[in-house]
Amino acid sequence: MIKKGIITTLLILSSFFFIGVANAEVVTETLKEACDTEELTCDFEEKEPSEDLPDIYIFRGNGCGYCQRLLTFLGTIAEEYQDKVNFVVYEVADNTDNWDLYEKVGAKFGDEVSGYPYMVIGTKVFNGYASSDDEEIIETIEEYAAEENPYDVVAEVESGNLDEVKTEEESSSGIVLAFIFGVVIVLILIMGYTLNKKSPKKA
């Protein structure tokens, strides 16, 4: 009886172990699959993702209302943009490996992630969702799809590079600071030249 009990316990523990292993891997969804899981009406004919197109990453949680609204919005524009980009979705509430990836991606942008949705389009992040973001999301997709060498944050994370990303805002602010610094240097040189010219020459 004791042996049978031990064997039964081991079998139960083994089954939990294998279930855990089966769920412990990064799993992606297409936009349509995510919509279907949430029972949303995303009425578009989905095409196969293309390796030649840049990826947009959406991190979502099952049952999350804001995630559902984002998926619904993306469903309205997917048919127009799926020839330009791939929509790659990660469910992070019930998948620990997806969550780990989510944390690493967030860290690349200096974010300590805690909620969702979280959408990454190149070097631009949309943390949360509101309908007021719709126009900016479309503009960002257009710009990202037109880039010659589009940035892929997940590829960077998977390669082991966990350094923070310079976002467009940070890059542009760096250019502005460099310009201001250059102007100051030029003004100092001009003032120095002018003062030197005005100073009386020694006999």
Foldseek 3Di string as FASTA:
>chain_A
DVVVVVVVVVVVVVVVVVVLVVLADWDKDFLVRVCVQQVHDLDDDDDDQDPVAAEKEKEAEHPDPQSNVVSNLCSVCCNVCSVQYGYIYTHPPPGPNSVVLVCLLCLLAPHRDDHDTWMDQQLDIDGTDDPVCSVVVVVSSVVQSPDPDGHDSSVCVVVVNSHHDQHPVNVVVVVVVVVVVVVVVVVVVVVVVVVVVPDDDDD
